C-alpha atoms as a PDB file:
ATOM      1  CA  MET A   1       6.518  16.983  -5.934  1.00  0.00           C
ATOM      2  CA  HIS A   2       6.050  16.863  -9.737  1.00  0.00           C
ATOM      3  CA  PRO A   3       3.774  13.486 -10.497  1.00  0.00           C
ATOM      4  CA  MET A   4       4.101  14.263 -14.350  1.00  0.00           C
ATOM      5  CA  GLN A   5       7.484  16.629 -13.651  1.00  0.00           C
ATOM      6  CA  ASN A   6       8.796  17.959 -17.399  1.00  0.00           C
ATOM      7  CA  GLN A   7      12.022  17.135 -18.706  1.00  0.00           C
ATOM      8  CA  GLN A   8      14.722  19.613 -20.354  1.00  0.00           C
ATOM      9  CA  HIS A   9      12.168  19.497 -23.873  1.00  0.00           C
ATOM     10  CA  TYR A  10       9.358  20.860 -21.972  1.00  0.00           C
ATOM     11  CA  SER A  11       9.370  24.455 -21.074  1.00  0.00           C
ATOM     12  CA  PRO A  12       7.335  24.184 -17.814  1.00  0.00           C
ATOM     13  CA  THR A  13       4.880  28.020 -17.579  1.00  0.00           C
ATOM     14  CA  PRO A  14       6.287  30.997 -16.187  1.00  0.00           C
ATOM     15  CA  GLN A  15       5.459  31.081 -12.143  1.00  0.00           C
ATOM     16  CA  PRO A  16       2.445  33.659 -11.360  1.00  0.00           C
ATOM     17  CA  LYS A  17       3.649  36.961 -10.710  1.00  0.00           C
ATOM     18  CA  ILE A  18       2.693  37.173  -6.626  1.00  0.00           C
ATOM     19  CA  PRO A  19       2.111  40.962  -5.827  1.00  0.00           C
ATOM     20  CA  LYS A  20       5.080  42.145  -3.581  1.00  0.00           C
ATOM     21  CA  LYS A  21       2.518  42.774  -0.675  1.00  0.00           C
ATOM     22  CA  ARG A  22       1.926  38.651  -0.360  1.00  0.00           C
ATOM     23  CA  ARG A  23       5.371  37.717  -1.271  1.00  0.00           C
ATOM     24  CA  ARG A  24       6.151  37.911   2.247  1.00  0.00           C
ATOM     25  CA  LYS A  25       5.859  35.126   4.776  1.00  0.00           C
ATOM     26  CA  SER A  26       2.414  34.069   6.037  1.00  0.00           C
ATOM     27  CA  SER A  27       1.875  35.234   9.838  1.00  0.00           C
ATOM     28  CA  MET A  28       0.074  31.625   9.828  1.00  0.00           C
ATOM     29  CA  ASN A  29       2.532  29.167  11.757  1.00  0.00           C
ATOM     30  CA  THR A  30       2.608  25.756   9.887  1.00  0.00           C
ATOM     31  CA  SER A  31       0.996  24.712  13.104  1.00  0.00           C
ATOM     32  CA  CYS A  32      -2.449  25.852  11.581  1.00  0.00           C
ATOM     33  CA  ILE A  33      -1.681  23.090   8.737  1.00  0.00           C
ATOM     34  CA  PRO A  34      -4.319  20.224   9.905  1.00  0.00           C
ATOM     35  CA  VAL A  35      -3.471  17.462  11.768  1.00  0.00           C
ATOM     36  CA  ILE A  36      -5.967  14.571  11.061  1.00  0.00           C
ATOM     37  CA  ASP A  37      -5.927  11.868  13.748  1.00  0.00           C
ATOM     38  CA  ILE A  38      -6.309   8.191  11.344  1.00  0.00           C
ATOM     39  CA  LYS A  39      -6.994   6.311  14.986  1.00  0.00           C
ATOM     40  CA  ASP A  40     -10.333   9.117  15.631  1.00  0.00           C
ATOM     41  CA  PHE A  41     -12.666   8.636  13.112  1.00  0.00           C
ATOM     42  CA  PRO A  42     -15.784   9.200  12.498  1.00  0.00           C
ATOM     43  CA  GLY A  43     -14.518  12.118  14.586  1.00  0.00           C
ATOM     44  CA  GLN A  44     -12.492  13.655  12.959  1.00  0.00           C
ATOM     45  CA  SER A  45     -14.545  13.700   9.598  1.00  0.00           C
ATOM     46  CA  GLU A  46     -15.295  17.190   9.598  1.00  0.00           C
ATOM     47  CA  LYS A  47     -12.329  18.589   9.795  1.00  0.00           C
ATOM     48  CA  LEU A  48     -11.279  16.328   7.078  1.00  0.00           C
ATOM     49  CA  ILE A  49     -13.494  17.274   4.677  1.00  0.00           C
ATOM     50  CA  ALA A  50     -12.646  21.446   6.091  1.00  0.00           C
ATOM     51  CA  ALA A  51      -8.864  20.161   5.453  1.00  0.00           C
ATOM     52  CA  CYS A  52      -9.542  19.491   1.896  1.00  0.00           C
ATOM     53  CA  GLU A  53     -11.569  22.108   1.281  1.00  0.00           C
ATOM     54  CA  GLU A  54      -9.879  25.651   3.050  1.00  0.00           C
ATOM     55  CA  TRP A  55      -6.205  23.434   2.860  1.00  0.00           C
ATOM     56  CA  GLY A  56      -5.607  21.220   0.273  1.00  0.00           C
ATOM     57  CA  CYS A  57      -3.157  19.293   2.523  1.00  0.00           C
ATOM     58  CA  PHE A  58      -2.897  17.672   6.022  1.00  0.00           C
ATOM     59  CA  ARG A  59      -0.027  15.880   8.157  1.00  0.00           C
ATOM     60  CA  ILE A  60      -1.182  12.050   9.166  1.00  0.00           C
ATOM     61  CA  ILE A  61      -0.953  10.858  12.534  1.00  0.00           C
ATOM     62  CA  ASN A  62      -1.443   7.090  14.075  1.00  0.00           C
ATOM     63  CA  HIS A  63      -1.212   5.549  10.690  1.00  0.00           C
ATOM     64  CA  LYS A  64       0.040   1.732  10.762  1.00  0.00           C
ATOM     65  CA  ILE A  65       3.464   2.447   8.612  1.00  0.00           C
ATOM     66  CA  PRO A  66       5.973   1.524  11.256  1.00  0.00           C
ATOM     67  CA  LEU A  67       8.256   4.279  11.660  1.00  0.00           C
ATOM     68  CA  SER A  68      11.443   1.735  10.821  1.00  0.00           C
ATOM     69  CA  LEU A  69       9.869   1.180   7.645  1.00  0.00           C
ATOM     70  CA  MET A  70       9.636   4.664   6.867  1.00  0.00           C
ATOM     71  CA  SER A  71      13.734   4.834   7.553  1.00  0.00           C
ATOM     72  CA  GLU A  72      14.590   1.767   5.370  1.00  0.00           C
ATOM     73  CA  MET A  73      12.268   3.458   2.504  1.00  0.00           C
ATOM     74  CA  LYS A  74      14.185   6.627   3.120  1.00  0.00           C
ATOM     75  CA  ALA A  75      17.578   4.239   2.944  1.00  0.00           C
ATOM     76  CA  VAL A  76      16.925   2.580  -0.046  1.00  0.00           C
ATOM     77  CA  GLY A  77      15.957   6.085  -1.923  1.00  0.00           C
ATOM     78  CA  GLU A  78      18.610   7.565  -1.026  1.00  0.00           C
ATOM     79  CA  SER A  79      20.812   4.583  -1.966  1.00  0.00           C
ATOM     80  CA  LEU A  80      19.159   4.438  -5.532  1.00  0.00           C
ATOM     81  CA  LEU A  81      19.746   8.330  -6.210  1.00  0.00           C
ATOM     82  CA  SER A  82      23.138   7.887  -5.102  1.00  0.00           C
ATOM     83  CA  LEU A  83      23.780   6.063  -8.413  1.00  0.00           C
ATOM     84  CA  PRO A  84      26.442   6.906 -11.195  1.00  0.00           C
ATOM     85  CA  MET A  85      23.635   8.533 -13.574  1.00  0.00           C
ATOM     86  CA  GLU A  86      23.999   5.961 -16.329  1.00  0.00           C
ATOM     87  CA  ILE A  87      22.862   3.892 -14.531  1.00  0.00           C
ATOM     88  CA  LYS A  88      20.129   5.577 -13.409  1.00  0.00           C
ATOM     89  CA  ARG A  89      19.561   6.918 -16.841  1.00  0.00           C
ATOM     90  CA  LYS A  90      18.363   3.128 -18.105  1.00  0.00           C
ATOM     91  CA  THR A  91      15.096   3.882 -16.251  1.00  0.00           C
ATOM     92  CA  PHE A  92      14.049   6.388 -18.970  1.00  0.00           C
ATOM     93  CA  ASP A  93      11.163   5.140 -21.300  1.00  0.00           C
ATOM     94  CA  GLY A  94      11.002   7.818 -22.863  1.00  0.00           C
ATOM     95  CA  VAL A  95       7.343   9.486 -21.502  1.00  0.00           C
ATOM     96  CA  VAL A  96       7.780  12.097 -19.471  1.00  0.00           C
ATOM     97  CA  GLY A  97       7.240  11.777 -15.621  1.00  0.00           C
ATOM     98  CA  LYS A  98       8.291   8.103 -15.706  1.00  0.00           C
ATOM     99  CA  GLY A  99      11.246   6.485 -15.227  1.00  0.00           C
ATOM    100  CA  TYR A 100      14.622   8.546 -14.122  1.00  0.00           C
ATOM    101  CA  ILE A 101      14.518  12.588 -14.719  1.00  0.00           C
ATOM    102  CA  PRO A 102      18.164  14.701 -14.040  1.00  0.00           C
ATOM    103  CA  PRO A 103      19.629  17.842 -13.105  1.00  0.00           C
ATOM    104  CA  SER A 104      17.862  20.268 -16.066  1.00  0.00           C
ATOM    105  CA  GLU A 105      18.432  23.521 -16.662  1.00  0.00           C
ATOM    106  CA  ILE A 106      15.537  24.549 -15.476  1.00  0.00           C
ATOM    107  CA  ASN A 107      15.245  22.255 -12.445  1.00  0.00           C
ATOM    108  CA  PRO A 108      19.303  21.524 -11.640  1.00  0.00           C
ATOM    109  CA  LEU A 109      18.800  21.332  -7.938  1.00  0.00           C
ATOM    110  CA  TYR A 110      16.269  18.721  -8.778  1.00  0.00           C
ATOM    111  CA  GLU A 111      16.369  14.593 -10.040  1.00  0.00           C
ATOM    112  CA  SER A 112      13.815  11.957  -9.188  1.00  0.00           C
ATOM    113  CA  LEU A 113      13.346   8.139  -9.619  1.00  0.00           C
ATOM    114  CA  GLY A 114      10.202   6.629 -10.252  1.00  0.00           C
ATOM    115  CA  VAL A 115       8.620   3.715 -11.773  1.00  0.00           C
ATOM    116  CA  TYR A 116       4.418   4.584 -12.869  1.00  0.00           C
ATOM    117  CA  ASP A 117       1.425   2.016 -11.446  1.00  0.00           C
ATOM    118  CA  ILE A 118       4.124   0.306  -9.016  1.00  0.00           C
ATOM    119  CA  ALA A 119       1.220  -2.242  -8.869  1.00  0.00           C
ATOM    120  CA  LEU A 120       2.447  -3.902 -11.958  1.00  0.00           C
ATOM    121  CA  ALA A 121       4.925  -6.275 -11.276  1.00  0.00           C
ATOM    122  CA  GLU A 122       6.247  -6.928 -14.538  1.00  0.00           C
ATOM    123  CA  VAL A 123       6.380  -3.315 -14.426  1.00  0.00           C
ATOM    124  CA  PHE A 124       8.104  -2.447 -10.631  1.00  0.00           C
ATOM    125  CA  HIS A 125      10.585  -5.308 -11.259  1.00  0.00           C
ATOM    126  CA  SER A 126      11.592  -3.914 -14.954  1.00  0.00           C
ATOM    127  CA  PHE A 127      11.903  -0.664 -13.608  1.00  0.00           C
ATOM    128  CA  CYS A 128      14.301  -2.636 -10.757  1.00  0.00           C
ATOM    129  CA  ASP A 129      16.668  -5.404 -12.821  1.00  0.00           C
ATOM    130  CA  ARG A 130      17.519  -1.674 -14.565  1.00  0.00           C
ATOM    131  CA  LEU A 131      19.234  -0.141 -11.126  1.00  0.00           C
ATOM    132  CA  ASN A 132      20.393  -3.616 -10.321  1.00  0.00           C
ATOM    133  CA  VAL A 133      18.208  -3.249  -6.764  1.00  0.00           C
ATOM    134  CA  SER A 134      18.156  -5.893  -4.644  1.00  0.00           C
ATOM    135  CA  THR A 135      16.324  -8.096  -3.047  1.00  0.00           C
ATOM    136  CA  HIS A 136      15.732  -6.419   0.199  1.00  0.00           C
ATOM    137  CA  GLN A 137      15.597  -2.801  -1.693  1.00  0.00           C
ATOM    138  CA  ARG A 138      12.591  -4.541  -3.615  1.00  0.00           C
ATOM    139  CA  GLU A 139      11.331  -5.982  -0.640  1.00  0.00           C
ATOM    140  CA  THR A 140      11.171  -2.798   1.191  1.00  0.00           C
ATOM    141  CA  ILE A 141      10.289  -0.660  -1.851  1.00  0.00           C
ATOM    142  CA  LEU A 142       6.816  -3.300  -2.161  1.00  0.00           C
ATOM    143  CA  ARG A 143       6.204  -3.142   1.841  1.00  0.00           C
ATOM    144  CA  TYR A 144       6.043   0.621   1.546  1.00  0.00           C
ATOM    145  CA  PHE A 145       3.804   0.899  -1.038  1.00  0.00           C
ATOM    146  CA  LYS A 146       1.634  -1.449  -0.461  1.00  0.00           C
ATOM    147  CA  ALA A 147       1.101   0.141   3.379  1.00  0.00           C
ATOM    148  CA  VAL A 148       0.851   3.509   1.570  1.00  0.00           C
ATOM    149  CA  GLU A 149      -1.404   2.341  -0.474  1.00  0.00           C
ATOM    150  CA  GLU A 150      -4.086   1.105   1.726  1.00  0.00           C
ATOM    151  CA  LEU A 151      -3.969   4.121   4.112  1.00  0.00           C
ATOM    152  CA  ALA A 152      -4.625   6.330   0.752  1.00  0.00           C
ATOM    153  CA  ARG A 153      -7.553   4.072   0.038  1.00  0.00           C
ATOM    154  CA  TYR A 154      -8.402   4.361   3.702  1.00  0.00           C
ATOM    155  CA  ILE A 155      -8.352   8.049   3.547  1.00  0.00           C
ATOM    156  CA  GLY A 156     -10.369   8.475   0.326  1.00  0.00           C
ATOM    157  CA  GLY A 157     -12.686   6.231   2.177  1.00  0.00           C
ATOM    158  CA  LYS A 158     -13.210   8.630   4.904  1.00  0.00           C
ATOM    159  CA  LEU A 159     -13.424  11.443   2.549  1.00  0.00           C
ATOM    160  CA  VAL A 160     -16.839   9.224   0.961  1.00  0.00           C
ATOM    161  CA  GLU A 161     -18.096   8.401   4.205  1.00  0.00           C
ATOM    162  CA  ALA A 162     -17.912  12.241   5.709  1.00  0.00           C
ATOM    163  CA  LEU A 163     -19.640  13.449   2.367  1.00  0.00           C
ATOM    164  CA  GLY A 164     -22.421  10.711   2.523  1.00  0.00           C
ATOM    165  CA  LEU A 165     -20.954   9.189  -0.986  1.00  0.00           C
ATOM    166  CA  ASP A 166     -21.671   5.130  -1.295  1.00  0.00           C
ATOM    167  CA  ILE A 167     -19.045   4.929  -3.629  1.00  0.00           C
ATOM    168  CA  PRO A 168     -17.623   1.300  -1.877  1.00  0.00           C
ATOM    169  CA  GLU A 169     -14.030   0.272  -3.165  1.00  0.00           C
ATOM    170  CA  PHE A 170     -13.390   4.041  -3.998  1.00  0.00           C
ATOM    171  CA  MET A 171      -9.596   4.192  -5.184  1.00  0.00           C
ATOM    172  CA  GLN A 172      -9.671   0.114  -5.690  1.00  0.00           C
ATOM    173  CA  GLY A 173      -7.022  -0.259  -8.859  1.00  0.00           C
ATOM    174  CA  TRP A 174      -5.572   3.507  -9.384  1.00  0.00           C
ATOM    175  CA  PRO A 175      -2.617   3.500 -10.899  1.00  0.00           C
ATOM    176  CA  CYS A 176       0.233   5.119  -8.237  1.00  0.00           C
ATOM    177  CA  GLN A 177       2.906   6.716  -9.607  1.00  0.00           C
ATOM    178  CA  PHE A 178       5.870   5.779  -6.708  1.00  0.00           C
ATOM    179  CA  ARG A 179       8.819   8.852  -7.169  1.00  0.00           C
ATOM    180  CA  LEU A 180      12.471   9.102  -5.098  1.00  0.00           C
ATOM    181  CA  LEU A 181      12.935  12.630  -4.814  1.00  0.00           C
ATOM    182  CA  LYS A 182      16.342  14.481  -3.993  1.00  0.00           C
ATOM    183  CA  TYR A 183      16.829  18.537  -3.846  1.00  0.00           C
ATOM    184  CA  HIS A 184      20.877  19.214  -4.552  1.00  0.00           C
ATOM    185  CA  PHE A 185      20.332  21.460  -1.928  1.00  0.00           C
ATOM    186  CA  THR A 186      24.294  23.391  -0.417  1.00  0.00           C
ATOM    187  CA  PRO A 187      24.816  26.608   0.676  1.00  0.00           C
ATOM    188  CA  GLU A 188      26.164  28.146  -2.608  1.00  0.00           C
ATOM    189  CA  SER A 189      22.627  27.569  -4.016  1.00  0.00           C
ATOM    190  CA  VAL A 190      20.757  28.848  -0.653  1.00  0.00           C
ATOM    191  CA  GLY A 191      17.033  31.321  -1.912  1.00  0.00           C
ATOM    192  CA  SER A 192      17.563  28.386  -5.680  1.00  0.00           C
ATOM    193  CA  ASN A 193      14.308  27.130  -6.435  1.00  0.00           C
ATOM    194  CA  GLY A 194      14.203  23.354  -6.081  1.00  0.00           C
ATOM    195  CA  ALA A 195      10.590  23.052  -7.023  1.00  0.00           C
ATOM    196  CA  ARG A 196       8.819  26.062  -9.460  1.00  0.00           C
ATOM    197  CA  MET A 197       5.808  26.794  -7.763  1.00  0.00           C
ATOM    198  CA  HIS A 198       2.975  24.091  -9.146  1.00  0.00           C
ATOM    199  CA  SER A 199      -0.281  21.630  -7.800  1.00  0.00           C
ATOM    200  CA  ASP A 200       0.014  18.129  -8.329  1.00  0.00           C
ATOM    201  CA  LEU A 201      -1.950  16.303 -11.150  1.00  0.00           C
ATOM    202  CA  SER A 202      -3.174  13.408  -8.948  1.00  0.00           C
ATOM    203  CA  TYR A 203      -6.423  12.571  -6.507  1.00  0.00           C
ATOM    204  CA  LEU A 204      -4.350  12.605  -3.473  1.00  0.00           C
ATOM    205  CA  THR A 205      -0.712  12.130  -2.598  1.00  0.00           C
ATOM    206  CA  ILE A 206       1.119  10.577  -0.166  1.00  0.00           C
ATOM    207  CA  LEU A 207       4.157  12.930   0.825  1.00  0.00           C
ATOM    208  CA  GLN A 208       6.919  11.103   3.587  1.00  0.00           C
ATOM    209  CA  ASP A 209       9.020  14.537   3.434  1.00  0.00           C
ATOM    210  CA  ASP A 210      12.556  15.145   4.770  1.00  0.00           C
ATOM    211  CA  GLU A 211      12.090  15.412   8.440  1.00  0.00           C
ATOM    212  CA  SER A 212      14.643  17.283   8.892  1.00  0.00           C
ATOM    213  CA  VAL A 213      15.862  19.582   6.221  1.00  0.00           C
ATOM    214  CA  GLY A 214      12.307  21.965   5.211  1.00  0.00           C
ATOM    215  CA  GLY A 215      12.111  23.964   1.712  1.00  0.00           C
ATOM    216  CA  LEU A 216       8.236  23.330   1.212  1.00  0.00           C
ATOM    217  CA  GLU A 217       6.134  26.364   0.727  1.00  0.00           C
ATOM    218  CA  LEU A 218       2.387  26.262   0.058  1.00  0.00           C
ATOM    219  CA  VAL A 219      -0.282  28.644  -1.350  1.00  0.00           C
ATOM    220  CA  ASP A 220      -2.651  29.748   1.268  1.00  0.00           C
ATOM    221  CA  LYS A 221      -5.972  29.554  -0.510  1.00  0.00           C
ATOM    222  CA  GLN A 222      -7.866  32.835   1.149  1.00  0.00           C
ATOM    223  CA  SER A 223      -4.972  35.362   1.454  1.00  0.00           C
ATOM    224  CA  GLY A 224      -3.144  33.749  -1.637  1.00  0.00           C
ATOM    225  CA  GLU A 225      -0.074  34.544   1.004  1.00  0.00           C
ATOM    226  CA  ILE A 226       3.294  32.019   0.627  1.00  0.00           C
ATOM    227  CA  ILE A 227       2.990  29.399   3.985  1.00  0.00           C
ATOM    228  CA  ASP A 228       6.417  27.823   4.941  1.00  0.00           C
ATOM    229  CA  VAL A 229       6.171  24.100   5.935  1.00  0.00           C
ATOM    230  CA  GLU A 230       8.103  22.592   8.511  1.00  0.00           C
ATOM    231  CA  PRO A 231       9.354  18.710   8.245  1.00  0.00           C
ATOM    232  CA  SER A 232       7.254  16.588   8.819  1.00  0.00           C
ATOM    233  CA  PRO A 233       7.454  15.466  12.460  1.00  0.00           C
ATOM    234  CA  PRO A 234       9.514  11.567  12.480  1.00  0.00           C
ATOM    235  CA  GLY A 235       6.177   8.893  11.736  1.00  0.00           C
ATOM    236  CA  THR A 236       3.250  11.906  10.412  1.00  0.00           C
ATOM    237  CA  LEU A 237       3.233  11.905   6.661  1.00  0.00           C
ATOM    238  CA  LEU A 238       1.636  15.031   4.483  1.00  0.00           C
ATOM    239  CA  VAL A 239      -1.410  14.535   1.868  1.00  0.00           C
ATOM    240  CA  VAL A 240      -2.165  16.504  -0.492  1.00  0.00           C
ATOM    241  CA  LEU A 241      -4.952  16.852  -2.707  1.00  0.00           C
ATOM    242  CA  GLY A 242      -4.124  17.426  -6.223  1.00  0.00           C
ATOM    243  CA  ASP A 243      -6.125  18.750  -9.868  1.00  0.00           C
ATOM    244  CA  ILE A 244      -8.020  15.698  -9.831  1.00  0.00           C
ATOM    245  CA  ALA A 245      -9.879  16.349  -6.790  1.00  0.00           C
ATOM    246  CA  LYS A 246     -10.575  19.269  -7.481  1.00  0.00           C
ATOM    247  CA  ALA A 247     -12.495  17.846 -10.794  1.00  0.00           C
ATOM    248  CA  TRP A 248     -13.651  14.896  -8.394  1.00  0.00           C
ATOM    249  CA  SER A 249     -15.034  17.139  -6.111  1.00  0.00           C
ATOM    250  CA  ASN A 250     -16.787  19.341  -8.206  1.00  0.00           C
ATOM    251  CA  GLY A 251     -14.353  22.434  -7.087  1.00  0.00           C
ATOM    252  CA  ARG A 252     -14.780  21.966  -3.596  1.00  0.00           C
ATOM    253  CA  PHE A 253     -11.430  20.547  -2.693  1.00  0.00           C
ATOM    254  CA  TYR A 254      -8.375  23.144  -3.175  1.00  0.00           C
ATOM    255  CA  ASN A 255      -5.688  21.772  -5.187  1.00  0.00           C
ATOM    256  CA  VAL A 256      -2.768  23.998  -3.142  1.00  0.00           C
ATOM    257  CA  LYS A 257      -0.082  25.137  -5.612  1.00  0.00           C
ATOM    258  CA  HIS A 258       3.317  24.083  -3.520  1.00  0.00           C
ATOM    259  CA  ARG A 259       6.747  24.167  -4.291  1.00  0.00           C
ATOM    260  CA  VAL A 260      10.452  24.126  -2.615  1.00  0.00           C
ATOM    261  CA  GLN A 261      12.741  26.079  -2.082  1.00  0.00           C
ATOM    262  CA  ASN A 262      16.392  25.710  -0.915  1.00  0.00           C
ATOM    263  CA  LYS A 263      16.914  27.664   2.508  1.00  0.00           C
ATOM    264  CA  GLU A 264      19.587  25.228   4.419  1.00  0.00           C
ATOM    265  CA  GLY A 265      21.734  25.303   1.915  1.00  0.00           C
ATOM    266  CA  LYS A 266      21.238  20.458   2.534  1.00  0.00           C
ATOM    267  CA  PRO A 267      20.526  18.075   0.721  1.00  0.00           C
ATOM    268  CA  ARG A 268      16.706  17.294   0.305  1.00  0.00           C
ATOM    269  CA  VAL A 269      14.635  14.196   0.536  1.00  0.00           C
ATOM    270  CA  SER A 270      11.431  12.445  -0.198  1.00  0.00           C
ATOM    271  CA  VAL A 271       8.691   9.854  -0.808  1.00  0.00           C
ATOM    272  CA  VAL A 272       6.348  10.427  -2.743  1.00  0.00           C
ATOM    273  CA  ALA A 273       3.214   8.580  -3.563  1.00  0.00           C
ATOM    274  CA  PHE A 274       1.033  10.028  -6.540  1.00  0.00           C
ATOM    275  CA  PHE A 275      -2.501   8.331  -6.426  1.00  0.00           C
ATOM    276  CA  LEU A 276      -3.448   9.954  -9.701  1.00  0.00           C
ATOM    277  CA  GLY A 277      -7.292   8.472 -10.855  1.00  0.00           C
ATOM    278  CA  PRO A 278      -9.379   6.339 -12.270  1.00  0.00           C
ATOM    279  CA  LYS A 279      -7.786   3.582 -14.570  1.00  0.00           C
ATOM    280  CA  GLU A 280     -10.428   2.819 -17.070  1.00  0.00           C
ATOM    281  CA  ALA A 281     -13.496   5.250 -15.469  1.00  0.00           C
ATOM    282  CA  LYS A 282     -13.354   8.989 -15.884  1.00  0.00           C
ATOM    283  CA  VAL A 283     -13.131  11.405 -13.489  1.00  0.00           C
ATOM    284  CA  GLU A 284     -16.851  12.577 -13.109  1.00  0.00           C
ATOM    285  CA  ALA A 285     -18.104  14.362  -9.816  1.00  0.00           C
ATOM    286  CA  PRO A 286     -20.392  12.459  -8.229  1.00  0.00           C
ATOM    287  CA  LEU A 287     -24.284  13.569  -8.650  1.00  0.00           C
ATOM    288  CA  GLU A 288     -24.458  14.071  -4.561  1.00  0.00           C
ATOM    289  CA  LEU A 289     -21.704  16.914  -5.443  1.00  0.00           C
ATOM    290  CA  VAL A 290     -23.775  18.379  -8.466  1.00  0.00           C
ATOM    291  CA  GLY A 291     -27.265  20.593  -8.148  1.00  0.00           C
ATOM    292  CA  SER A 292     -28.766  23.407  -8.607  1.00  0.00           C
ATOM    293  CA  ASP A 293     -26.823  25.295  -6.585  1.00  0.00           C
ATOM    294  CA  LEU A 294     -23.695  24.298  -7.633  1.00  0.00           C
ATOM    295  CA  PRO A 295     -23.940  22.998 -11.596  1.00  0.00           C
ATOM    296  CA  ARG A 296     -21.550  20.213 -12.918  1.00  0.00           C
ATOM    297  CA  ALA A 297     -18.192  22.298 -13.584  1.00  0.00           C
ATOM    298  CA  TYR A 298     -15.851  20.206 -15.712  1.00  0.00           C
ATOM    299  CA  VAL A 299     -17.411  18.090 -17.830  1.00  0.00           C
ATOM    300  CA  PRO A 300     -16.111  14.013 -17.690  1.00  0.00           C
ATOM    301  CA  PHE A 301     -12.323  12.988 -18.668  1.00  0.00           C
ATOM    302  CA  ASP A 302     -10.066  10.502 -18.413  1.00  0.00           C
ATOM    303  CA  VAL A 303      -6.620  10.709 -16.227  1.00  0.00           C
ATOM    304  CA  GLU A 304      -4.549  10.193 -18.635  1.00  0.00           C
ATOM    305  CA  GLU A 305      -6.284  13.160 -21.225  1.00  0.00           C
ATOM    306  CA  TYR A 306      -5.600  15.572 -18.821  1.00  0.00           C
ATOM    307  CA  ARG A 307      -2.114  14.364 -18.535  1.00  0.00           C
ATOM    308  CA  MET A 308      -1.772  15.206 -22.101  1.00  0.00           C
ATOM    309  CA  VAL A 309      -3.201  18.775 -21.924  1.00  0.00           C
ATOM    310  CA  ARG A 310      -1.539  19.023 -18.951  1.00  0.00           C
ATOM    311  CA  LEU A 311       1.406  19.008 -20.930  1.00  0.00           C
ATOM    312  CA  SER A 312       0.406  20.395 -24.361  1.00  0.00           C
ATOM    313  CA  THR A 313      -0.415  23.253 -22.729  1.00  0.00           C
ATOM    314  CA  ARG A 314       2.683  23.823 -19.978  1.00  0.00           C
ATOM    315  CA  SER A 315       0.299  24.442 -16.868  1.00  0.00           C
ATOM    316  CA  SER A 316       1.760  23.332 -14.242  1.00  0.00           C
ATOM    317  CA  THR A 317      -0.218  24.960 -11.292  1.00  0.00           C
ATOM    318  CA  GLY A 318      -3.953  22.961 -12.364  1.00  0.00           C
ATOM    319  CA  GLU A 319      -4.790  25.144 -15.201  1.00  0.00           C
ATOM    320  CA  ALA A 320      -5.238  22.748 -17.661  1.00  0.00           C
ATOM    321  CA  LEU A 321      -9.151  21.979 -15.913  1.00  0.00           C
ATOM    322  CA  GLU A 322     -10.197  25.235 -17.360  1.00  0.00           C
ATOM    323  CA  HIS A 323     -10.130  23.499 -21.070  1.00  0.00           C
ATOM    324  CA  PHE A 324     -12.936  20.528 -19.155  1.00  0.00           C
ATOM    325  CA  ARG A 325     -14.844  23.111 -17.919  1.00  0.00           C
ATOM    326  CA  THR A 326     -18.133  23.232 -18.536  1.00  0.00           C
ATOM    327  CA  THR A 327     -20.106  25.748 -19.808  1.00  0.00           C
ATOM    328  CA  SER A 328     -22.908  25.935 -17.054  1.00  0.00           C
ATOM    329  CA  SER A 329     -20.259  27.073 -14.812  1.00  0.00           C
ATOM    330  CA  ILE A 330     -18.349  29.568 -15.902  1.00  0.00           C
ATOM    331  CA  LYS A 331     -19.329  33.528 -14.531  1.00  0.00           C
ATOM    332  CA  ILE A 332     -20.130  35.827 -16.271  1.00  0.00           C
END
């Protein structure tokens, strides 16, 4: 999942070397990834915070997005990603992370189509016009986005409540980068990277993963081991916490590192919504999450400012946050 995936003229940060003893697959099975029942709040509050702090991700069940809409959205994604290359390239507007990202020398098995700040009608329809998206497909994308946006704000609200904070309209108006991802996996490329190790830039990401083809892996916070993530059961969604969440929570939340590997030799399609952060205000930890025993970890910063630092420093696994660390939080 790459909210700001580098184009060909950017070279991503080399993956950190993981000691051989940690490259084995974790003995923890994937069912350990926390499952949050949306219908069981406040009963799930403690579990939700623990998932954000210890895992940086969790599965969502019993949300309101119909399985039929999820299936329609995936079908639309597969259709648009199957368009001729020359048509998909029309959506590229010269800004890294926006529009079409074609397979490259760095990521030869990966391509994606996306629209930045999909809630803006003129932006969305301009994107669709370039691809000749049908009226039905547009309606499907918008219905799906609105449902996912409502879910994201609900999760954000429950996070705020669980932390004992009072922040009305949390996540209201935050830009969402909406992307369709395809991994061109074949039997010949088994063992290859689809997406290199990275953390998401966003506050939170809602992923409708491919329910039949696996390959997603994440780094366990405590052990550093790489854990296989089985395909999401139909009707479930995976929520991933990113760099912005780590900064906003004063370092409490884990911006989980993850990657996609070709393990089955079959094409893989995902639908992803990255909820980035405040559009106007700066990202900063609420006062309630800062204290004498836990000083402010990061200076306030703009989402766009952080995005540019991530790109200019070619930081893909959260290292760019160190550029915003406060002096008081640096351990000597």
